[in-house]
Amino acid sequence: MTLTVTDLFCGAGGASLGAETVTGVELVMAANHWQRAIEVHQANFPQARHDCADISQVDFRRYPATDILIAGCECTNHSQARGVSRKKQSASLFEGPDPGAERSRATMWDVPRYIEVHRPAAVIVENVVEASKWIFWDAWRLALDAAGYRVRVLSINSMHTGLVPQSRDRIYVVCVRKGVDVDLDFRPPAWCPRCEATVEARQAWKNGRTVGKYRSQYVWRCATCNQPVEPDVLPAAVAIDWALPSQRIGDRARPLADATLRRIRIGLERYGTTVYAG
């Protein structure tokens, strides 16, 4: 059995690649407003149909129906981005709303629009954690529930997937059509010093939270003994092409800033095998 996928706001294709690594999953349709992203995505997934368009203006009846929808809605104006805090991106008494920021956040509504037309069995919406603080977050979730979907918000740091050597907190809003059962419990492997074994880790939330960032709002604990644990992660080395010529930091004509050196020192003292002596 083949499950078909549509990827809205597809970018260069990271989500599409993740979907197709699952046996029996096939990307059928991808869309983005940026021509360069579509060109790259089309090169990576030549078998799929592509549409370069403002997705908020698209009539989704033009797209083929698929079993799964993936939507990486715009996140820039949900987060503290471009040096501007999320709060300052909102309208004030003396300044009108930023149309670009409002339009960016409104892309979340393209998900219910798509659902209304195609009724996929499952929907996965990826965004920054701050999206859960959007003024219309509760209304958006109610719209998904009204459409007949069970909604669950998963907070996952990319480094705990065992696939990405980068610490990046994200939420994944998984919507499953009522009547479809899916195991959504995320249990990364971790070494437990008390059990002296690799165990399943479970999220332990702080102060009754259910959505948030690693360490700030939740930690990981051993599912057997409740001991705090750290899930396995990949080193940054796996993402580096060591064959590429590069300059050593110590050989730079312009020295690193004191703040940068301080962060390097802290990192080596915390995670390195030797103490930084610089």
C-alpha atoms as a PDB file:
ATOM      1  CA  MET A   1       0.000   0.000   0.000  1.00  0.00           C
ATOM      2  CA  THR A   2       1.320   3.428  -0.977  1.00  0.00           C
ATOM      3  CA  LEU A   3       0.500   6.561   1.017  1.00  0.00           C
ATOM      4  CA  THR A   4       0.597   9.757  -1.017  1.00  0.00           C
ATOM      5  CA  VAL A   5       1.799  13.111   0.306  1.00  0.00           C
ATOM      6  CA  THR A   6       1.336  16.798  -0.454  1.00  0.00           C
ATOM      7  CA  ASP A   7       3.966  19.221   0.872  1.00  0.00           C
ATOM      8  CA  LEU A   8       2.808  22.833   1.211  1.00  0.00           C
ATOM      9  CA  PHE A   9       5.473  25.521   1.814  1.00  0.00           C
ATOM     10  CA  CYS A  10       7.907  22.836   0.691  1.00  0.00           C
ATOM     11  CA  GLY A  11      11.181  24.794   0.746  1.00  0.00           C
ATOM     12  CA  ALA A  12      14.117  22.867  -0.665  1.00  0.00           C
ATOM     13  CA  GLY A  13      12.543  19.577   0.398  1.00  0.00           C
ATOM     14  CA  GLY A  14      13.598  18.588   3.913  1.00  0.00           C
ATOM     15  CA  ALA A  15      10.094  17.539   4.962  1.00  0.00           C
ATOM     16  CA  SER A  16       9.529  15.774   1.646  1.00  0.00           C
ATOM     17  CA  LEU A  17      12.781  13.866   2.065  1.00  0.00           C
ATOM     18  CA  GLY A  18      11.761  12.838   5.569  1.00  0.00           C
ATOM     19  CA  ALA A  19       8.401  11.607   4.311  1.00  0.00           C
ATOM     20  CA  GLU A  20       9.884   9.545   1.504  1.00  0.00           C
ATOM     21  CA  THR A  21      12.357   7.814   3.824  1.00  0.00           C
ATOM     22  CA  VAL A  22       9.315   5.959   5.187  1.00  0.00           C
ATOM     23  CA  THR A  23       8.650   2.786   3.215  1.00  0.00           C
ATOM     24  CA  GLY A  24       5.457   3.022   1.169  1.00  0.00           C
ATOM     25  CA  VAL A  25       5.233   6.843   1.209  1.00  0.00           C
ATOM     26  CA  GLU A  26       5.297   8.774  -2.074  1.00  0.00           C
ATOM     27  CA  LEU A  27       5.446  12.547  -2.586  1.00  0.00           C
ATOM     28  CA  VAL A  28       2.882  13.555  -5.199  1.00  0.00           C
ATOM     29  CA  MET A  29       2.515  17.349  -4.913  1.00  0.00           C
ATOM     30  CA  ALA A  30       4.671  20.222  -3.618  1.00  0.00           C
ATOM     31  CA  ALA A  31       4.048  23.972  -3.548  1.00  0.00           C
ATOM     32  CA  ASN A  32       5.878  27.125  -2.523  1.00  0.00           C
ATOM     33  CA  HIS A  33       5.723  30.815  -3.416  1.00  0.00           C
ATOM     34  CA  TRP A  34       9.492  31.121  -4.023  1.00  0.00           C
ATOM     35  CA  GLN A  35      10.693  30.189  -7.503  1.00  0.00           C
ATOM     36  CA  ARG A  36      14.186  29.194  -6.357  1.00  0.00           C
ATOM     37  CA  ALA A  37      12.770  26.826  -3.736  1.00  0.00           C
ATOM     38  CA  ILE A  38      10.571  25.191  -6.359  1.00  0.00           C
ATOM     39  CA  GLU A  39      13.527  24.818  -8.729  1.00  0.00           C
ATOM     40  CA  VAL A  40      15.603  23.095  -6.049  1.00  0.00           C
ATOM     41  CA  HIS A  41      12.694  20.943  -4.889  1.00  0.00           C
ATOM     42  CA  GLN A  42      11.889  19.912  -8.448  1.00  0.00           C
ATOM     43  CA  ALA A  43      15.503  18.868  -8.986  1.00  0.00           C
ATOM     44  CA  ASN A  44      15.364  16.761  -5.824  1.00  0.00           C
ATOM     45  CA  PHE A  45      11.912  15.283  -6.511  1.00  0.00           C
ATOM     46  CA  PRO A  46      11.427  15.204 -10.296  1.00  0.00           C
ATOM     47  CA  GLN A  47       8.599  12.661 -10.050  1.00  0.00           C
ATOM     48  CA  ALA A  48       6.289  15.038  -8.122  1.00  0.00           C
ATOM     49  CA  ARG A  49       4.054  17.801  -9.432  1.00  0.00           C
ATOM     50  CA  HIS A  50       5.071  21.336  -8.445  1.00  0.00           C
ATOM     51  CA  ASP A  51       3.302  24.667  -8.158  1.00  0.00           C
ATOM     52  CA  CYS A  52       5.032  28.020  -7.668  1.00  0.00           C
ATOM     53  CA  ALA A  53       2.267  30.220  -6.294  1.00  0.00           C
ATOM     54  CA  ASP A  54       1.054  32.279  -3.358  1.00  0.00           C
ATOM     55  CA  ILE A  55      -0.454  29.354  -1.474  1.00  0.00           C
ATOM     56  CA  SER A  56      -2.938  31.557   0.366  1.00  0.00           C
ATOM     57  CA  GLN A  57      -4.487  32.397  -3.022  1.00  0.00           C
ATOM     58  CA  VAL A  58      -4.467  28.862  -4.434  1.00  0.00           C
ATOM     59  CA  ASP A  59      -7.680  27.008  -5.212  1.00  0.00           C
ATOM     60  CA  PHE A  60      -6.794  23.611  -3.771  1.00  0.00           C
ATOM     61  CA  ARG A  61      -9.213  21.914  -6.129  1.00  0.00           C
ATOM     62  CA  ARG A  62      -6.367  22.237  -8.657  1.00  0.00           C
ATOM     63  CA  TYR A  63      -4.218  19.887  -6.561  1.00  0.00           C
ATOM     64  CA  PRO A  64      -4.586  16.096  -6.480  1.00  0.00           C
ATOM     65  CA  ALA A  65      -6.011  14.595  -3.310  1.00  0.00           C
ATOM     66  CA  THR A  66      -3.429  12.773  -1.154  1.00  0.00           C
ATOM     67  CA  ASP A  67      -3.487  10.672   2.001  1.00  0.00           C
ATOM     68  CA  ILE A  68      -1.201  12.980   3.996  1.00  0.00           C
ATOM     69  CA  LEU A  69      -0.662  16.731   4.072  1.00  0.00           C
ATOM     70  CA  ILE A  70       2.634  18.193   5.301  1.00  0.00           C
ATOM     71  CA  ALA A  71       2.614  21.957   5.889  1.00  0.00           C
ATOM     72  CA  GLY A  72       5.636  23.943   7.034  1.00  0.00           C
ATOM     73  CA  CYS A  73       3.677  27.179   7.416  1.00  0.00           C
ATOM     74  CA  GLU A  74       5.710  30.388   7.563  1.00  0.00           C
ATOM     75  CA  CYS A  75       7.359  30.747  10.952  1.00  0.00           C
ATOM     76  CA  THR A  76       9.272  34.028  10.687  1.00  0.00           C
ATOM     77  CA  ASN A  77       6.548  36.173  12.184  1.00  0.00           C
ATOM     78  CA  HIS A  78       5.641  33.698  14.913  1.00  0.00           C
ATOM     79  CA  SER A  79       9.130  33.813  16.393  1.00  0.00           C
ATOM     80  CA  GLN A  80      11.627  36.359  17.580  1.00  0.00           C
ATOM     81  CA  ALA A  81      13.063  36.799  14.125  1.00  0.00           C
ATOM     82  CA  ARG A  82      14.927  39.368  12.093  1.00  0.00           C
ATOM     83  CA  GLY A  83      15.954  41.007  15.384  1.00  0.00           C
ATOM     84  CA  VAL A  84      12.310  41.838  16.143  1.00  0.00           C
ATOM     85  CA  SER A  85      10.484  40.222  19.056  1.00  0.00           C
ATOM     86  CA  ARG A  86       7.152  38.474  18.467  1.00  0.00           C
ATOM     87  CA  LYS A  87       5.421  41.095  20.648  1.00  0.00           C
ATOM     88  CA  LYS A  88       6.785  44.018  18.629  1.00  0.00           C
ATOM     89  CA  GLN A  89       5.522  42.467  15.395  1.00  0.00           C
ATOM     90  CA  SER A  90       1.929  42.956  16.545  1.00  0.00           C
ATOM     91  CA  ALA A  91      -0.088  46.129  16.059  1.00  0.00           C
ATOM     92  CA  SER A  92      -0.047  48.872  18.695  1.00  0.00           C
ATOM     93  CA  LEU A  93      -2.349  51.805  19.438  1.00  0.00           C
ATOM     94  CA  PHE A  94      -0.184  54.226  17.482  1.00  0.00           C
ATOM     95  CA  GLU A  95       1.097  51.970  14.721  1.00  0.00           C
ATOM     96  CA  GLY A  96      -0.954  49.926  12.306  1.00  0.00           C
ATOM     97  CA  PRO A  97      -0.402  46.177  11.901  1.00  0.00           C
ATOM     98  CA  ASP A  98       2.433  44.930   9.724  1.00  0.00           C
ATOM     99  CA  PRO A  99       0.608  43.472   6.693  1.00  0.00           C
ATOM    100  CA  GLY A 100       3.534  41.165   5.910  1.00  0.00           C
ATOM    101  CA  ALA A 101       3.637  39.782   9.440  1.00  0.00           C
ATOM    102  CA  GLU A 102      -0.115  39.228   9.534  1.00  0.00           C
ATOM    103  CA  ARG A 103      -0.059  37.544   6.123  1.00  0.00           C
ATOM    104  CA  SER A 104       2.800  35.293   7.246  1.00  0.00           C
ATOM    105  CA  ARG A 105       0.943  34.120  10.358  1.00  0.00           C
ATOM    106  CA  ALA A 106      -2.271  33.722   8.348  1.00  0.00           C
ATOM    107  CA  THR A 107      -0.686  30.930   6.287  1.00  0.00           C
ATOM    108  CA  MET A 108      -1.719  28.648   9.170  1.00  0.00           C
ATOM    109  CA  TRP A 109      -5.289  28.991   7.892  1.00  0.00           C
ATOM    110  CA  ASP A 110      -4.281  27.402   4.586  1.00  0.00           C
ATOM    111  CA  VAL A 111      -4.292  24.068   6.409  1.00  0.00           C
ATOM    112  CA  PRO A 112      -8.058  24.105   7.194  1.00  0.00           C
ATOM    113  CA  ARG A 113      -8.663  25.383   3.647  1.00  0.00           C
ATOM    114  CA  TYR A 114      -6.862  22.364   2.217  1.00  0.00           C
ATOM    115  CA  ILE A 115      -8.613  19.978   4.613  1.00  0.00           C
ATOM    116  CA  GLU A 116     -12.017  21.310   3.568  1.00  0.00           C
ATOM    117  CA  VAL A 117     -11.295  20.341  -0.038  1.00  0.00           C
ATOM    118  CA  HIS A 118      -9.335  17.068   0.216  1.00  0.00           C
ATOM    119  CA  ARG A 119      -9.942  15.565   3.696  1.00  0.00           C
ATOM    120  CA  PRO A 120      -6.551  13.795   4.018  1.00  0.00           C
ATOM    121  CA  ALA A 121      -6.271  10.990   6.569  1.00  0.00           C
ATOM    122  CA  ALA A 122      -3.476  12.803   8.388  1.00  0.00           C
ATOM    123  CA  VAL A 123      -1.977  16.286   8.536  1.00  0.00           C
ATOM    124  CA  ILE A 124       1.403  17.323   9.960  1.00  0.00           C
ATOM    125  CA  VAL A 125       2.034  21.022  10.548  1.00  0.00           C
ATOM    126  CA  GLU A 126       5.561  22.059  11.550  1.00  0.00           C
ATOM    127  CA  ASN A 127       6.347  25.416  13.122  1.00  0.00           C
ATOM    128  CA  VAL A 128       8.327  27.184  15.815  1.00  0.00           C
ATOM    129  CA  VAL A 129       7.230  26.751  19.437  1.00  0.00           C
ATOM    130  CA  GLU A 130       6.122  30.410  19.567  1.00  0.00           C
ATOM    131  CA  ALA A 131       3.344  29.632  17.086  1.00  0.00           C
ATOM    132  CA  SER A 132       1.378  28.248  20.054  1.00  0.00           C
ATOM    133  CA  LYS A 133       1.207  31.813  21.412  1.00  0.00           C
ATOM    134  CA  TRP A 134      -0.522  33.113  18.273  1.00  0.00           C
ATOM    135  CA  ILE A 135      -3.724  34.990  19.174  1.00  0.00           C
ATOM    136  CA  PHE A 136      -5.761  32.655  16.918  1.00  0.00           C
ATOM    137  CA  TRP A 137      -4.046  29.428  18.051  1.00  0.00           C
ATOM    138  CA  ASP A 138      -7.078  28.107  19.959  1.00  0.00           C
ATOM    139  CA  ALA A 139      -9.465  29.077  17.167  1.00  0.00           C
ATOM    140  CA  TRP A 140      -7.205  27.374  14.619  1.00  0.00           C
ATOM    141  CA  ARG A 141      -7.193  24.165  16.640  1.00  0.00           C
ATOM    142  CA  LEU A 142     -10.973  24.313  17.018  1.00  0.00           C
ATOM    143  CA  ALA A 143     -11.268  24.550  13.237  1.00  0.00           C
ATOM    144  CA  LEU A 144      -9.250  21.337  12.885  1.00  0.00           C
ATOM    145  CA  ASP A 145     -11.406  19.607  15.483  1.00  0.00           C
ATOM    146  CA  ALA A 146     -14.582  20.789  13.750  1.00  0.00           C
ATOM    147  CA  ALA A 147     -13.272  19.286  10.514  1.00  0.00           C
ATOM    148  CA  GLY A 148     -13.238  15.873  12.205  1.00  0.00           C
ATOM    149  CA  TYR A 149      -9.600  15.556  13.272  1.00  0.00           C
ATOM    150  CA  ARG A 150      -7.987  14.567  16.549  1.00  0.00           C
ATOM    151  CA  VAL A 151      -5.211  17.081  17.204  1.00  0.00           C
ATOM    152  CA  ARG A 152      -2.023  16.515  19.170  1.00  0.00           C
ATOM    153  CA  VAL A 153       0.895  18.933  19.526  1.00  0.00           C
ATOM    154  CA  LEU A 154       4.319  17.311  19.789  1.00  0.00           C
ATOM    155  CA  SER A 155       7.295  19.335  21.038  1.00  0.00           C
ATOM    156  CA  ILE A 156      10.479  17.839  19.621  1.00  0.00           C
ATOM    157  CA  ASN A 157      14.049  19.074  19.456  1.00  0.00           C
ATOM    158  CA  SER A 158      15.586  18.008  16.146  1.00  0.00           C
ATOM    159  CA  MET A 159      18.721  16.605  17.759  1.00  0.00           C
ATOM    160  CA  HIS A 160      16.667  13.984  19.622  1.00  0.00           C
ATOM    161  CA  THR A 161      15.400  12.368  16.410  1.00  0.00           C
ATOM    162  CA  GLY A 162      18.758  10.700  15.833  1.00  0.00           C
ATOM    163  CA  LEU A 163      18.859  12.188  12.340  1.00  0.00           C
ATOM    164  CA  VAL A 164      19.927  15.824  12.708  1.00  0.00           C
ATOM    165  CA  PRO A 165      23.101  17.068  14.449  1.00  0.00           C
ATOM    166  CA  GLN A 166      21.469  20.359  15.427  1.00  0.00           C
ATOM    167  CA  SER A 167      19.558  21.598  18.457  1.00  0.00           C
ATOM    168  CA  ARG A 168      16.356  23.133  17.108  1.00  0.00           C
ATOM    169  CA  ASP A 169      13.066  23.214  19.009  1.00  0.00           C
ATOM    170  CA  ARG A 170       9.938  22.786  16.930  1.00  0.00           C
ATOM    171  CA  ILE A 171       6.296  21.819  17.357  1.00  0.00           C
ATOM    172  CA  TYR A 172       4.568  19.279  15.138  1.00  0.00           C
ATOM    173  CA  VAL A 173       0.794  19.553  15.119  1.00  0.00           C
ATOM    174  CA  VAL A 174      -0.391  16.100  14.091  1.00  0.00           C
ATOM    175  CA  CYS A 175      -4.020  15.904  13.000  1.00  0.00           C
ATOM    176  CA  VAL A 176      -5.483  12.457  12.403  1.00  0.00           C
ATOM    177  CA  ARG A 177      -8.947  11.927  11.009  1.00  0.00           C
ATOM    178  CA  LYS A 178     -11.203  10.576  13.735  1.00  0.00           C
ATOM    179  CA  GLY A 179     -11.329   6.813  13.492  1.00  0.00           C
ATOM    180  CA  VAL A 180      -7.670   6.480  12.448  1.00  0.00           C
ATOM    181  CA  ASP A 181      -5.322   5.217  15.189  1.00  0.00           C
ATOM    182  CA  VAL A 182      -1.662   6.301  15.169  1.00  0.00           C
ATOM    183  CA  ASP A 183       0.960   5.890  17.906  1.00  0.00           C
ATOM    184  CA  LEU A 184       2.339   9.406  18.404  1.00  0.00           C
ATOM    185  CA  ASP A 185       4.367   8.828  21.579  1.00  0.00           C
ATOM    186  CA  PHE A 186       7.966   9.866  20.934  1.00  0.00           C
ATOM    187  CA  ARG A 187      10.391   7.731  22.962  1.00  0.00           C
ATOM    188  CA  PRO A 188      14.014   8.420  21.971  1.00  0.00           C
ATOM    189  CA  PRO A 189      16.699   6.044  23.258  1.00  0.00           C
ATOM    190  CA  ALA A 190      18.871   7.306  26.116  1.00  0.00           C
ATOM    191  CA  TRP A 191      21.513   5.895  28.444  1.00  0.00           C
ATOM    192  CA  CYS A 192      20.263   5.631  32.015  1.00  0.00           C
ATOM    193  CA  PRO A 193      23.101   5.611  34.597  1.00  0.00           C
ATOM    194  CA  ARG A 194      20.826   4.117  37.244  1.00  0.00           C
ATOM    195  CA  CYS A 195      19.533   1.261  35.080  1.00  0.00           C
ATOM    196  CA  GLU A 196      22.950   0.965  33.391  1.00  0.00           C
ATOM    197  CA  ALA A 197      21.213   0.365  30.092  1.00  0.00           C
ATOM    198  CA  THR A 198      19.843   2.120  27.035  1.00  0.00           C
ATOM    199  CA  VAL A 199      16.217   2.853  27.840  1.00  0.00           C
ATOM    200  CA  GLU A 200      13.192   4.624  26.395  1.00  0.00           C
ATOM    201  CA  ALA A 201      13.090   8.261  27.438  1.00  0.00           C
ATOM    202  CA  ARG A 202       9.832  10.052  28.188  1.00  0.00           C
ATOM    203  CA  GLN A 203       9.073  13.756  28.346  1.00  0.00           C
ATOM    204  CA  ALA A 204       8.615  15.227  31.822  1.00  0.00           C
ATOM    205  CA  TRP A 205       6.915  18.615  31.691  1.00  0.00           C
ATOM    206  CA  LYS A 206       7.493  21.509  34.063  1.00  0.00           C
ATOM    207  CA  ASN A 207       4.692  23.465  35.755  1.00  0.00           C
ATOM    208  CA  GLY A 208       1.901  21.665  33.925  1.00  0.00           C
ATOM    209  CA  ARG A 209       3.122  22.689  30.476  1.00  0.00           C
ATOM    210  CA  THR A 210       2.245  20.604  27.431  1.00  0.00           C
ATOM    211  CA  VAL A 211       4.007  22.638  24.726  1.00  0.00           C
ATOM    212  CA  GLY A 212       7.479  24.105  24.932  1.00  0.00           C
ATOM    213  CA  LYS A 213      11.224  23.911  24.481  1.00  0.00           C
ATOM    214  CA  TYR A 214      13.726  21.343  25.696  1.00  0.00           C
ATOM    215  CA  ARG A 215      15.146  22.151  29.129  1.00  0.00           C
ATOM    216  CA  SER A 216      13.033  25.335  29.437  1.00  0.00           C
ATOM    217  CA  GLN A 217       9.638  23.591  29.602  1.00  0.00           C
ATOM    218  CA  TYR A 218      10.475  19.869  29.657  1.00  0.00           C
ATOM    219  CA  VAL A 219      13.261  17.371  30.291  1.00  0.00           C
ATOM    220  CA  TRP A 220      13.702  13.686  29.542  1.00  0.00           C
ATOM    221  CA  ARG A 221      13.431  10.930  32.155  1.00  0.00           C
ATOM    222  CA  CYS A 222      13.952   7.183  32.101  1.00  0.00           C
ATOM    223  CA  ALA A 223      10.645   5.428  31.467  1.00  0.00           C
ATOM    224  CA  THR A 224      11.688   2.697  33.930  1.00  0.00           C
ATOM    225  CA  CYS A 225      13.145   4.475  36.970  1.00  0.00           C
ATOM    226  CA  ASN A 226      12.340   8.158  36.324  1.00  0.00           C
ATOM    227  CA  GLN A 227      16.019   9.144  36.439  1.00  0.00           C
ATOM    228  CA  PRO A 228      16.862  12.270  34.372  1.00  0.00           C
ATOM    229  CA  VAL A 229      18.477  11.160  31.106  1.00  0.00           C
ATOM    230  CA  GLU A 230      19.837  12.704  27.924  1.00  0.00           C
ATOM    231  CA  PRO A 231      18.630  11.153  24.644  1.00  0.00           C
ATOM    232  CA  ASP A 232      21.276  10.050  22.177  1.00  0.00           C
ATOM    233  CA  VAL A 233      22.361  12.759  19.730  1.00  0.00           C
ATOM    234  CA  LEU A 234      24.587  12.939  16.662  1.00  0.00           C
ATOM    235  CA  PRO A 235      27.788  15.004  16.718  1.00  0.00           C
ATOM    236  CA  ALA A 236      28.149  18.021  14.438  1.00  0.00           C
ATOM    237  CA  ALA A 237      30.971  16.141  12.709  1.00  0.00           C
ATOM    238  CA  VAL A 238      28.484  14.065  10.696  1.00  0.00           C
ATOM    239  CA  ALA A 239      27.268  17.224   8.915  1.00  0.00           C
ATOM    240  CA  ILE A 240      30.754  18.453   8.006  1.00  0.00           C
ATOM    241  CA  ASP A 241      32.440  17.597   4.721  1.00  0.00           C
ATOM    242  CA  TRP A 242      36.015  17.246   5.966  1.00  0.00           C
ATOM    243  CA  ALA A 243      37.324  17.041   2.389  1.00  0.00           C
ATOM    244  CA  LEU A 244      36.510  20.700   1.765  1.00  0.00           C
ATOM    245  CA  PRO A 245      39.499  23.041   2.207  1.00  0.00           C
ATOM    246  CA  SER A 246      39.039  25.520   5.029  1.00  0.00           C
ATOM    247  CA  GLN A 247      41.003  27.887   7.218  1.00  0.00           C
ATOM    248  CA  ARG A 248      41.770  27.073  10.823  1.00  0.00           C
ATOM    249  CA  ILE A 249      40.256  29.530  13.288  1.00  0.00           C
ATOM    250  CA  GLY A 250      43.700  30.110  14.756  1.00  0.00           C
ATOM    251  CA  ASP A 251      45.031  31.157  11.348  1.00  0.00           C
ATOM    252  CA  ARG A 252      42.489  33.925  10.821  1.00  0.00           C
ATOM    253  CA  ALA A 253      43.915  37.394  10.222  1.00  0.00           C
ATOM    254  CA  ARG A 254      41.044  38.871  12.222  1.00  0.00           C
ATOM    255  CA  PRO A 255      40.760  37.288  15.690  1.00  0.00           C
ATOM    256  CA  LEU A 256      37.457  36.082  17.054  1.00  0.00           C
ATOM    257  CA  ALA A 257      35.490  38.419  19.298  1.00  0.00           C
ATOM    258  CA  ASP A 258      35.864  37.965  23.049  1.00  0.00           C
ATOM    259  CA  ALA A 259      32.212  36.913  23.354  1.00  0.00           C
ATOM    260  CA  THR A 260      32.727  34.216  20.708  1.00  0.00           C
ATOM    261  CA  LEU A 261      35.821  32.910  22.462  1.00  0.00           C
ATOM    262  CA  ARG A 262      33.923  32.844  25.724  1.00  0.00           C
ATOM    263  CA  ARG A 263      31.150  30.715  24.192  1.00  0.00           C
ATOM    264  CA  ILE A 264      33.742  28.341  22.718  1.00  0.00           C
ATOM    265  CA  ARG A 265      35.433  28.042  26.117  1.00  0.00           C
ATOM    266  CA  ILE A 266      32.115  27.292  27.839  1.00  0.00           C
ATOM    267  CA  GLY A 267      31.257  24.695  25.201  1.00  0.00           C
ATOM    268  CA  LEU A 268      34.594  22.917  25.537  1.00  0.00           C
ATOM    269  CA  GLU A 269      34.391  22.916  29.308  1.00  0.00           C
ATOM    270  CA  ARG A 270      30.863  21.503  29.211  1.00  0.00           C
ATOM    271  CA  TYR A 271      31.112  19.033  26.358  1.00  0.00           C
ATOM    272  CA  GLY A 272      34.782  18.657  25.405  1.00  0.00           C
ATOM    273  CA  THR A 273      37.256  16.040  26.559  1.00  0.00           C
ATOM    274  CA  THR A 274      39.914  18.624  27.379  1.00  0.00           C
ATOM    275  CA  VAL A 275      39.797  21.958  29.155  1.00  0.00           C
ATOM    276  CA  TYR A 276      40.222  25.029  26.983  1.00  0.00           C
ATOM    277  CA  ALA A 277      43.359  26.907  28.037  1.00  0.00           C
ATOM    278  CA  GLY A 278      43.130  29.958  25.758  1.00  0.00           C
END
